[in-house]
Amino acid sequence: TGTRAMGPIELSARGTWDSTGAPIAALL
């Protein structure tokens, strides 16, 4: 939404949490 070009941009998923907010370390 700005006025200048941006890049290169990398897209990745990092981190998964359960309903309590605890990070999931196994069976991701």
mmCIF file of all heavy atoms, coordinates in Angstrom:
data_MODEL
# 
_entry.id   MODEL 
# 
loop_
_atom_site.group_PDB 
_atom_site.id 
_atom_site.type_symbol 
_atom_site.label_atom_id 
_atom_site.label_alt_id 
_atom_site.label_comp_id 
_atom_site.label_asym_id 
_atom_site.label_entity_id 
_atom_site.label_seq_id 
_atom_site.pdbx_PDB_ins_code 
_atom_site.Cartn_x 
_atom_site.Cartn_y 
_atom_site.Cartn_z 
_atom_site.occupancy 
_atom_site.B_iso_or_equiv 
_atom_site.pdbx_formal_charge 
_atom_site.auth_seq_id 
_atom_site.auth_comp_id 
_atom_site.auth_asym_id 
_atom_site.auth_atom_id 
_atom_site.pdbx_PDB_model_num 
ATOM 1   N N   . THR A 1 1  ? 0.818  -1.215  0.000  1.00 0.00 ? 1  THR A N   1 
ATOM 2   C CA  . THR A 1 1  ? 0.000  0.000   0.000  1.00 0.00 ? 1  THR A CA  1 
ATOM 3   C C   . THR A 1 1  ? 0.848  1.260   0.000  1.00 0.00 ? 1  THR A C   1 
ATOM 4   O O   . THR A 1 1  ? 0.314  2.371   0.099  1.00 0.00 ? 1  THR A O   1 
ATOM 5   C CB  . THR A 1 1  ? -0.919 0.013   1.237  1.00 0.00 ? 1  THR A CB  1 
ATOM 6   O OG1 . THR A 1 1  ? -0.102 -0.001  2.419  1.00 0.00 ? 1  THR A OG1 1 
ATOM 7   C CG2 . THR A 1 1  ? -1.835 -1.200  1.248  1.00 0.00 ? 1  THR A CG2 1 
ATOM 8   N N   . GLY A 1 2  ? 2.178  1.089   -0.113 1.00 0.00 ? 2  GLY A N   1 
ATOM 9   C CA  . GLY A 1 2  ? 3.077  2.226   -0.062 1.00 0.00 ? 2  GLY A CA  1 
ATOM 10  C C   . GLY A 1 2  ? 3.384  2.812   -1.429 1.00 0.00 ? 2  GLY A C   1 
ATOM 11  O O   . GLY A 1 2  ? 2.671  2.567   -2.410 1.00 0.00 ? 2  GLY A O   1 
ATOM 12  N N   . THR A 1 3  ? 4.488  3.542   -1.479 1.00 0.00 ? 3  THR A N   1 
ATOM 13  C CA  . THR A 1 3  ? 4.862  4.244   -2.715 1.00 0.00 ? 3  THR A CA  1 
ATOM 14  C C   . THR A 1 3  ? 6.174  3.748   -3.297 1.00 0.00 ? 3  THR A C   1 
ATOM 15  O O   . THR A 1 3  ? 6.689  4.332   -4.238 1.00 0.00 ? 3  THR A O   1 
ATOM 16  C CB  . THR A 1 3  ? 4.980  5.752   -2.430 1.00 0.00 ? 3  THR A CB  1 
ATOM 17  O OG1 . THR A 1 3  ? 5.957  5.964   -1.401 1.00 0.00 ? 3  THR A OG1 1 
ATOM 18  C CG2 . THR A 1 3  ? 3.638  6.330   -1.997 1.00 0.00 ? 3  THR A CG2 1 
ATOM 19  N N   . ARG A 1 4  ? 6.737  2.675   -2.728 1.00 0.00 ? 4  ARG A N   1 
ATOM 20  C CA  . ARG A 1 4  ? 7.997  2.143   -3.252 1.00 0.00 ? 4  ARG A CA  1 
ATOM 21  C C   . ARG A 1 4  ? 7.909  0.631   -3.378 1.00 0.00 ? 4  ARG A C   1 
ATOM 22  O O   . ARG A 1 4  ? 7.172  -0.036  -2.645 1.00 0.00 ? 4  ARG A O   1 
ATOM 23  C CB  . ARG A 1 4  ? 9.159  2.513   -2.333 1.00 0.00 ? 4  ARG A CB  1 
ATOM 24  C CG  . ARG A 1 4  ? 8.968  2.105   -0.897 1.00 0.00 ? 4  ARG A CG  1 
ATOM 25  C CD  . ARG A 1 4  ? 10.177 2.392   -0.065 1.00 0.00 ? 4  ARG A CD  1 
ATOM 26  N NE  . ARG A 1 4  ? 9.963  2.091   1.340  1.00 0.00 ? 4  ARG A NE  1 
ATOM 27  C CZ  . ARG A 1 4  ? 10.933 1.830   2.189  1.00 0.00 ? 4  ARG A CZ  1 
ATOM 28  N NH1 . ARG A 1 4  ? 12.194 1.814   1.772  1.00 0.00 ? 4  ARG A NH1 1 
ATOM 29  N NH2 . ARG A 1 4  ? 10.665 1.587   3.457  1.00 0.00 ? 4  ARG A NH2 1 
ATOM 30  N N   . ALA A 1 5  ? 8.659  0.097   -4.313 1.00 0.00 ? 5  ALA A N   1 
ATOM 31  C CA  . ALA A 1 5  ? 8.680  -1.343  -4.521 1.00 0.00 ? 5  ALA A CA  1 
ATOM 32  C C   . ALA A 1 5  ? 9.409  -2.022  -3.367 1.00 0.00 ? 5  ALA A C   1 
ATOM 33  O O   . ALA A 1 5  ? 10.368 -1.475  -2.817 1.00 0.00 ? 5  ALA A O   1 
ATOM 34  C CB  . ALA A 1 5  ? 9.353  -1.672  -5.847 1.00 0.00 ? 5  ALA A CB  1 
ATOM 35  N N   . MET A 1 6  ? 8.977  -3.218  -3.007 1.00 0.00 ? 6  MET A N   1 
ATOM 36  C CA  . MET A 1 6  ? 9.598  -3.985  -1.934 1.00 0.00 ? 6  MET A CA  1 
ATOM 37  C C   . MET A 1 6  ? 9.970  -5.365  -2.454 1.00 0.00 ? 6  MET A C   1 
ATOM 38  O O   . MET A 1 6  ? 9.223  -5.977  -3.217 1.00 0.00 ? 6  MET A O   1 
ATOM 39  C CB  . MET A 1 6  ? 8.638  -4.125  -0.744 1.00 0.00 ? 6  MET A CB  1 
ATOM 40  C CG  . MET A 1 6  ? 8.229  -2.804  -0.109 1.00 0.00 ? 6  MET A CG  1 
ATOM 41  S SD  . MET A 1 6  ? 9.585  -1.935  0.708  1.00 0.00 ? 6  MET A SD  1 
ATOM 42  C CE  . MET A 1 6  ? 9.880  -3.037  2.083  1.00 0.00 ? 6  MET A CE  1 
ATOM 43  N N   . GLY A 1 7  ? 11.128 -5.866  -2.030 1.00 0.00 ? 7  GLY A N   1 
ATOM 44  C CA  . GLY A 1 7  ? 11.530 -7.201  -2.432 1.00 0.00 ? 7  GLY A CA  1 
ATOM 45  C C   . GLY A 1 7  ? 13.037 -7.375  -2.371 1.00 0.00 ? 7  GLY A C   1 
ATOM 46  O O   . GLY A 1 7  ? 13.784 -6.390  -2.216 1.00 0.00 ? 7  GLY A O   1 
ATOM 47  N N   . PRO A 1 8  ? 13.497 -8.604  -2.503 1.00 0.00 ? 8  PRO A N   1 
ATOM 48  C CA  . PRO A 1 8  ? 12.652 -9.805  -2.543 1.00 0.00 ? 8  PRO A CA  1 
ATOM 49  C C   . PRO A 1 8  ? 12.037 -10.107 -1.182 1.00 0.00 ? 8  PRO A C   1 
ATOM 50  O O   . PRO A 1 8  ? 12.636 -9.829  -0.152 1.00 0.00 ? 8  PRO A O   1 
ATOM 51  C CB  . PRO A 1 8  ? 13.626 -10.914 -2.966 1.00 0.00 ? 8  PRO A CB  1 
ATOM 52  C CG  . PRO A 1 8  ? 14.972 -10.417 -2.517 1.00 0.00 ? 8  PRO A CG  1 
ATOM 53  C CD  . PRO A 1 8  ? 14.945 -8.924  -2.646 1.00 0.00 ? 8  PRO A CD  1 
ATOM 54  N N   . ILE A 1 9  ? 10.833 -10.674 -1.207 1.00 0.00 ? 9  ILE A N   1 
ATOM 55  C CA  . ILE A 1 9  ? 10.087 -10.996 0.006  1.00 0.00 ? 9  ILE A CA  1 
ATOM 56  C C   . ILE A 1 9  ? 9.974  -12.513 0.116  1.00 0.00 ? 9  ILE A C   1 
ATOM 57  O O   . ILE A 1 9  ? 9.554  -13.177 -0.834 1.00 0.00 ? 9  ILE A O   1 
ATOM 58  C CB  . ILE A 1 9  ? 8.678  -10.365 -0.022 1.00 0.00 ? 9  ILE A CB  1 
ATOM 59  C CG1 . ILE A 1 9  ? 8.785  -8.836  -0.095 1.00 0.00 ? 9  ILE A CG1 1 
ATOM 60  C CG2 . ILE A 1 9  ? 7.873  -10.776 1.200  1.00 0.00 ? 9  ILE A CG2 1 
ATOM 61  C CD1 . ILE A 1 9  ? 7.444  -8.143  -0.314 1.00 0.00 ? 9  ILE A CD1 1 
ATOM 62  N N   . GLU A 1 10 ? 10.367 -13.055 1.268  1.00 0.00 ? 10 GLU A N   1 
ATOM 63  C CA  . GLU A 1 10 ? 10.260 -14.484 1.521  1.00 0.00 ? 10 GLU A CA  1 
ATOM 64  C C   . GLU A 1 10 ? 9.021  -14.762 2.360  1.00 0.00 ? 10 GLU A C   1 
ATOM 65  O O   . GLU A 1 10 ? 8.680  -13.994 3.256  1.00 0.00 ? 10 GLU A O   1 
ATOM 66  C CB  . GLU A 1 10 ? 11.498 -14.994 2.252  1.00 0.00 ? 10 GLU A CB  1 
ATOM 67  C CG  . GLU A 1 10 ? 12.792 -14.822 1.457  1.00 0.00 ? 10 GLU A CG  1 
ATOM 68  C CD  . GLU A 1 10 ? 14.008 -15.253 2.242  1.00 0.00 ? 10 GLU A CD  1 
ATOM 69  O OE1 . GLU A 1 10 ? 13.899 -15.392 3.496  1.00 0.00 ? 10 GLU A OE1 1 
ATOM 70  O OE2 . GLU A 1 10 ? 15.073 -15.460 1.637  1.00 0.00 ? 10 GLU A OE2 1 
ATOM 71  N N   . LEU A 1 11 ? 8.346  -15.868 2.068  1.00 0.00 ? 11 LEU A N   1 
ATOM 72  C CA  . LEU A 1 11 ? 7.133  -16.255 2.786  1.00 0.00 ? 11 LEU A CA  1 
ATOM 73  C C   . LEU A 1 11 ? 7.367  -17.607 3.444  1.00 0.00 ? 11 LEU A C   1 
ATOM 74  O O   . LEU A 1 11 ? 7.788  -18.558 2.795  1.00 0.00 ? 11 LEU A O   1 
ATOM 75  C CB  . LEU A 1 11 ? 5.945  -16.325 1.826  1.00 0.00 ? 11 LEU A CB  1 
ATOM 76  C CG  . LEU A 1 11 ? 5.573  -14.982 1.199  1.00 0.00 ? 11 LEU A CG  1 
ATOM 77  C CD1 . LEU A 1 11 ? 4.883  -15.169 -0.126 1.00 0.00 ? 11 LEU A CD1 1 
ATOM 78  C CD2 . LEU A 1 11 ? 4.669  -14.208 2.150  1.00 0.00 ? 11 LEU A CD2 1 
ATOM 79  N N   . SER A 1 12 ? 7.105  -17.683 4.740  1.00 0.00 ? 12 SER A N   1 
ATOM 80  C CA  . SER A 1 12 ? 7.321  -18.938 5.447  1.00 0.00 ? 12 SER A CA  1 
ATOM 81  C C   . SER A 1 12 ? 6.440  -18.985 6.682  1.00 0.00 ? 12 SER A C   1 
ATOM 82  O O   . SER A 1 12 ? 6.033  -17.949 7.218  1.00 0.00 ? 12 SER A O   1 
ATOM 83  C CB  . SER A 1 12 ? 8.789  -19.093 5.858  1.00 0.00 ? 12 SER A CB  1 
ATOM 84  O OG  . SER A 1 12 ? 9.166  -18.067 6.762  1.00 0.00 ? 12 SER A OG  1 
ATOM 85  N N   . ALA A 1 13 ? 6.143  -20.216 7.129  1.00 0.00 ? 13 ALA A N   1 
ATOM 86  C CA  . ALA A 1 13 ? 5.393  -20.429 8.363  1.00 0.00 ? 13 ALA A CA  1 
ATOM 87  C C   . ALA A 1 13 ? 6.387  -20.780 9.455  1.00 0.00 ? 13 ALA A C   1 
ATOM 88  O O   . ALA A 1 13 ? 7.231  -21.659 9.280  1.00 0.00 ? 13 ALA A O   1 
ATOM 89  C CB  . ALA A 1 13 ? 4.378  -21.545 8.187  1.00 0.00 ? 13 ALA A CB  1 
ATOM 90  N N   . ARG A 1 14 ? 6.303  -20.072 10.584 1.00 0.00 ? 14 ARG A N   1 
ATOM 91  C CA  . ARG A 1 14 ? 7.246  -20.311 11.687 1.00 0.00 ? 14 ARG A CA  1 
ATOM 92  C C   . ARG A 1 14 ? 6.497  -20.339 13.008 1.00 0.00 ? 14 ARG A C   1 
ATOM 93  O O   . ARG A 1 14 ? 5.921  -19.349 13.417 1.00 0.00 ? 14 ARG A O   1 
ATOM 94  C CB  . ARG A 1 14 ? 8.314  -19.213 11.735 1.00 0.00 ? 14 ARG A CB  1 
ATOM 95  C CG  . ARG A 1 14 ? 9.274  -19.229 10.562 1.00 0.00 ? 14 ARG A CG  1 
ATOM 96  C CD  . ARG A 1 14 ? 10.427 -18.268 10.824 1.00 0.00 ? 14 ARG A CD  1 
ATOM 97  N NE  . ARG A 1 14 ? 9.986  -16.886 10.787 1.00 0.00 ? 14 ARG A NE  1 
ATOM 98  C CZ  . ARG A 1 14 ? 10.736 -15.861 11.197 1.00 0.00 ? 14 ARG A CZ  1 
ATOM 99  N NH1 . ARG A 1 14 ? 11.923 -16.072 11.716 1.00 0.00 ? 14 ARG A NH1 1 
ATOM 100 N NH2 . ARG A 1 14 ? 10.281 -14.623 11.108 1.00 0.00 ? 14 ARG A NH2 1 
ATOM 101 N N   . GLY A 1 15 ? 6.505  -21.493 13.642 1.00 0.00 ? 15 GLY A N   1 
ATOM 102 C CA  . GLY A 1 15 ? 5.904  -21.620 14.957 1.00 0.00 ? 15 GLY A CA  1 
ATOM 103 C C   . GLY A 1 15 ? 4.459  -22.086 14.915 1.00 0.00 ? 15 GLY A C   1 
ATOM 104 O O   . GLY A 1 15 ? 3.661  -21.628 14.085 1.00 0.00 ? 15 GLY A O   1 
ATOM 105 N N   . THR A 1 16 ? 4.124  -23.050 15.776 1.00 0.00 ? 16 THR A N   1 
ATOM 106 C CA  . THR A 1 16 ? 2.756  -23.523 15.951 1.00 0.00 ? 16 THR A CA  1 
ATOM 107 C C   . THR A 1 16 ? 2.487  -23.629 17.442 1.00 0.00 ? 16 THR A C   1 
ATOM 108 O O   . THR A 1 16 ? 3.329  -24.085 18.204 1.00 0.00 ? 16 THR A O   1 
ATOM 109 C CB  . THR A 1 16 ? 2.556  -24.895 15.279 1.00 0.00 ? 16 THR A CB  1 
ATOM 110 O OG1 . THR A 1 16 ? 2.846  -24.791 13.880 1.00 0.00 ? 16 THR A OG1 1 
ATOM 111 C CG2 . THR A 1 16 ? 1.109  -25.372 15.439 1.00 0.00 ? 16 THR A CG2 1 
ATOM 112 N N   . TRP A 1 17 ? 1.296  -23.191 17.855 1.00 0.00 ? 17 TRP A N   1 
ATOM 113 C CA  . TRP A 1 17 ? 0.923  -23.180 19.263 1.00 0.00 ? 17 TRP A CA  1 
ATOM 114 C C   . TRP A 1 17 ? -0.413 -23.871 19.453 1.00 0.00 ? 17 TRP A C   1 
ATOM 115 O O   . TRP A 1 17 ? -1.268 -23.857 18.555 1.00 0.00 ? 17 TRP A O   1 
ATOM 116 C CB  . TRP A 1 17 ? 0.818  -21.749 19.776 1.00 0.00 ? 17 TRP A CB  1 
ATOM 117 C CG  . TRP A 1 17 ? 2.072  -20.952 19.642 1.00 0.00 ? 17 TRP A CG  1 
ATOM 118 C CD1 . TRP A 1 17 ? 3.047  -20.783 20.595 1.00 0.00 ? 17 TRP A CD1 1 
ATOM 119 C CD2 . TRP A 1 17 ? 2.512  -20.201 18.493 1.00 0.00 ? 17 TRP A CD2 1 
ATOM 120 N NE1 . TRP A 1 17 ? 4.058  -19.987 20.109 1.00 0.00 ? 17 TRP A NE1 1 
ATOM 121 C CE2 . TRP A 1 17 ? 3.765  -19.625 18.828 1.00 0.00 ? 17 TRP A CE2 1 
ATOM 122 C CE3 . TRP A 1 17 ? 1.989  -19.988 17.232 1.00 0.00 ? 17 TRP A CE3 1 
ATOM 123 C CZ2 . TRP A 1 17 ? 4.476  -18.828 17.942 1.00 0.00 ? 17 TRP A CZ2 1 
ATOM 124 C CZ3 . TRP A 1 17 ? 2.696  -19.200 16.337 1.00 0.00 ? 17 TRP A CZ3 1 
ATOM 125 C CH2 . TRP A 1 17 ? 3.924  -18.625 16.702 1.00 0.00 ? 17 TRP A CH2 1 
ATOM 126 N N   . ASP A 1 18 ? -0.601 -24.476 20.657 1.00 0.00 ? 18 ASP A N   1 
ATOM 127 C CA  . ASP A 1 18 ? -1.899 -25.066 20.950 1.00 0.00 ? 18 ASP A CA  1 
ATOM 128 C C   . ASP A 1 18 ? -2.809 -24.016 21.570 1.00 0.00 ? 18 ASP A C   1 
ATOM 129 O O   . ASP A 1 18 ? -2.462 -22.832 21.643 1.00 0.00 ? 18 ASP A O   1 
ATOM 130 C CB  . ASP A 1 18 ? -1.752 -26.307 21.843 1.00 0.00 ? 18 ASP A CB  1 
ATOM 131 C CG  . ASP A 1 18 ? -1.207 -25.985 23.242 1.00 0.00 ? 18 ASP A CG  1 
ATOM 132 O OD1 . ASP A 1 18 ? -1.244 -24.803 23.649 1.00 0.00 ? 18 ASP A OD1 1 
ATOM 133 O OD2 . ASP A 1 18 ? -0.756 -26.924 23.923 1.00 0.00 ? 18 ASP A OD2 1 
ATOM 134 N N   . SER A 1 19 ? -3.989 -24.438 22.039 1.00 0.00 ? 19 SER A N   1 
ATOM 135 C CA  . SER A 1 19 ? -4.992 -23.480 22.511 1.00 0.00 ? 19 SER A CA  1 
ATOM 136 C C   . SER A 1 19 ? -4.575 -22.766 23.785 1.00 0.00 ? 19 SER A C   1 
ATOM 137 O O   . SER A 1 19 ? -5.133 -21.719 24.127 1.00 0.00 ? 19 SER A O   1 
ATOM 138 C CB  . SER A 1 19 ? -6.325 -24.198 22.745 1.00 0.00 ? 19 SER A CB  1 
ATOM 139 O OG  . SER A 1 19 ? -6.163 -25.241 23.695 1.00 0.00 ? 19 SER A OG  1 
ATOM 140 N N   . THR A 1 20 ? -3.590 -23.316 24.515 1.00 0.00 ? 20 THR A N   1 
ATOM 141 C CA  . THR A 1 20 ? -3.119 -22.653 25.732 1.00 0.00 ? 20 THR A CA  1 
ATOM 142 C C   . THR A 1 20 ? -2.002 -21.658 25.455 1.00 0.00 ? 20 THR A C   1 
ATOM 143 O O   . THR A 1 20 ? -1.548 -20.963 26.363 1.00 0.00 ? 20 THR A O   1 
ATOM 144 C CB  . THR A 1 20 ? -2.609 -23.684 26.755 1.00 0.00 ? 20 THR A CB  1 
ATOM 145 O OG1 . THR A 1 20 ? -1.375 -24.255 26.288 1.00 0.00 ? 20 THR A OG1 1 
ATOM 146 C CG2 . THR A 1 20 ? -3.621 -24.791 26.981 1.00 0.00 ? 20 THR A CG2 1 
ATOM 147 N N   . GLY A 1 21 ? -1.523 -21.610 24.205 1.00 0.00 ? 21 GLY A N   1 
ATOM 148 C CA  . GLY A 1 21 ? -0.415 -20.741 23.862 1.00 0.00 ? 21 GLY A CA  1 
ATOM 149 C C   . GLY A 1 21 ? 0.930  -21.422 23.967 1.00 0.00 ? 21 GLY A C   1 
ATOM 150 O O   . GLY A 1 21 ? 1.966  -20.795 23.749 1.00 0.00 ? 21 GLY A O   1 
ATOM 151 N N   . ALA A 1 22 ? 0.928  -22.722 24.281 1.00 0.00 ? 22 ALA A N   1 
ATOM 152 C CA  . ALA A 1 22 ? 2.182  -23.458 24.403 1.00 0.00 ? 22 ALA A CA  1 
ATOM 153 C C   . ALA A 1 22 ? 2.711  -23.823 23.020 1.00 0.00 ? 22 ALA A C   1 
ATOM 154 O O   . ALA A 1 22 ? 1.954  -24.294 22.164 1.00 0.00 ? 22 ALA A O   1 
ATOM 155 C CB  . ALA A 1 22 ? 1.979  -24.729 25.222 1.00 0.00 ? 22 ALA A CB  1 
ATOM 156 N N   . PRO A 1 23 ? 4.003  -23.624 22.766 1.00 0.00 ? 23 PRO A N   1 
ATOM 157 C CA  . PRO A 1 23 ? 4.567  -24.023 21.470 1.00 0.00 ? 23 PRO A CA  1 
ATOM 158 C C   . PRO A 1 23 ? 4.579  -25.531 21.313 1.00 0.00 ? 23 PRO A C   1 
ATOM 159 O O   . PRO A 1 23 ? 4.794  -26.269 22.277 1.00 0.00 ? 23 PRO A O   1 
ATOM 160 C CB  . PRO A 1 23 ? 5.994  -23.453 21.528 1.00 0.00 ? 23 PRO A CB  1 
ATOM 161 C CG  . PRO A 1 23 ? 6.298  -23.335 22.982 1.00 0.00 ? 23 PRO A CG  1 
ATOM 162 C CD  . PRO A 1 23 ? 4.998  -23.021 23.660 1.00 0.00 ? 23 PRO A CD  1 
ATOM 163 N N   . ILE A 1 24 ? 4.314  -25.997 20.094 1.00 0.00 ? 24 ILE A N   1 
ATOM 164 C CA  . ILE A 1 24 ? 4.292  -27.429 19.806 1.00 0.00 ? 24 ILE A CA  1 
ATOM 165 C C   . ILE A 1 24 ? 5.663  -27.828 19.302 1.00 0.00 ? 24 ILE A C   1 
ATOM 166 O O   . ILE A 1 24 ? 6.158  -27.302 18.304 1.00 0.00 ? 24 ILE A O   1 
ATOM 167 C CB  . ILE A 1 24 ? 3.221  -27.767 18.752 1.00 0.00 ? 24 ILE A CB  1 
ATOM 168 C CG1 . ILE A 1 24 ? 1.854  -27.254 19.206 1.00 0.00 ? 24 ILE A CG1 1 
ATOM 169 C CG2 . ILE A 1 24 ? 3.177  -29.266 18.511 1.00 0.00 ? 24 ILE A CG2 1 
ATOM 170 C CD1 . ILE A 1 24 ? 1.389  -27.799 20.529 1.00 0.00 ? 24 ILE A CD1 1 
ATOM 171 N N   . ALA A 1 25 ? 6.288  -28.774 19.986 1.00 0.00 ? 25 ALA A N   1 
ATOM 172 C CA  . ALA A 1 25 ? 7.646  -29.177 19.631 1.00 0.00 ? 25 ALA A CA  1 
ATOM 173 C C   . ALA A 1 25 ? 7.693  -30.529 18.943 1.00 0.00 ? 25 ALA A C   1 
ATOM 174 O O   . ALA A 1 25 ? 8.724  -30.910 18.393 1.00 0.00 ? 25 ALA A O   1 
ATOM 175 C CB  . ALA A 1 25 ? 8.530  -29.217 20.885 1.00 0.00 ? 25 ALA A CB  1 
ATOM 176 N N   . ALA A 1 26 ? 6.612  -31.291 18.981 1.00 0.00 ? 26 ALA A N   1 
ATOM 177 C CA  . ALA A 1 26 ? 6.614  -32.623 18.370 1.00 0.00 ? 26 ALA A CA  1 
ATOM 178 C C   . ALA A 1 26 ? 5.359  -32.796 17.530 1.00 0.00 ? 26 ALA A C   1 
ATOM 179 O O   . ALA A 1 26 ? 4.344  -32.136 17.743 1.00 0.00 ? 26 ALA A O   1 
ATOM 180 C CB  . ALA A 1 26 ? 6.677  -33.695 19.449 1.00 0.00 ? 26 ALA A CB  1 
ATOM 181 N N   . LEU A 1 27 ? 5.442  -33.712 16.554 1.00 0.00 ? 27 LEU A N   1 
ATOM 182 C CA  . LEU A 1 27 ? 4.322  -33.990 15.659 1.00 0.00 ? 27 LEU A CA  1 
ATOM 183 C C   . LEU A 1 27 ? 3.788  -32.698 15.052 1.00 0.00 ? 27 LEU A C   1 
ATOM 184 O O   . LEU A 1 27 ? 2.587  -32.431 15.040 1.00 0.00 ? 27 LEU A O   1 
ATOM 185 C CB  . LEU A 1 27 ? 3.199  -34.724 16.408 1.00 0.00 ? 27 LEU A CB  1 
ATOM 186 C CG  . LEU A 1 27 ? 3.595  -36.068 17.029 1.00 0.00 ? 27 LEU A CG  1 
ATOM 187 C CD1 . LEU A 1 27 ? 2.450  -36.629 17.843 1.00 0.00 ? 27 LEU A CD1 1 
ATOM 188 C CD2 . LEU A 1 27 ? 4.011  -37.058 15.953 1.00 0.00 ? 27 LEU A CD2 1 
ATOM 189 N N   . LEU A 1 28 ? 4.717  -31.884 14.577 1.00 0.00 ? 28 LEU A N   1 
ATOM 190 C CA  . LEU A 1 28 ? 4.345  -30.568 14.072 1.00 0.00 ? 28 LEU A CA  1 
ATOM 191 C C   . LEU A 1 28 ? 3.484  -30.640 12.825 1.00 0.00 ? 28 LEU A C   1 
ATOM 192 O O   . LEU A 1 28 ? 3.790  -31.376 11.889 1.00 0.00 ? 28 LEU A O   1 
ATOM 193 C CB  . LEU A 1 28 ? 5.614  -29.773 13.743 1.00 0.00 ? 28 LEU A CB  1 
ATOM 194 C CG  . LEU A 1 28 ? 6.357  -29.137 14.911 1.00 0.00 ? 28 LEU A CG  1 
ATOM 195 C CD1 . LEU A 1 28 ? 7.669  -28.560 14.423 1.00 0.00 ? 28 LEU A CD1 1 
ATOM 196 C CD2 . LEU A 1 28 ? 5.523  -28.058 15.562 1.00 0.00 ? 28 LEU A CD2 1 
# 
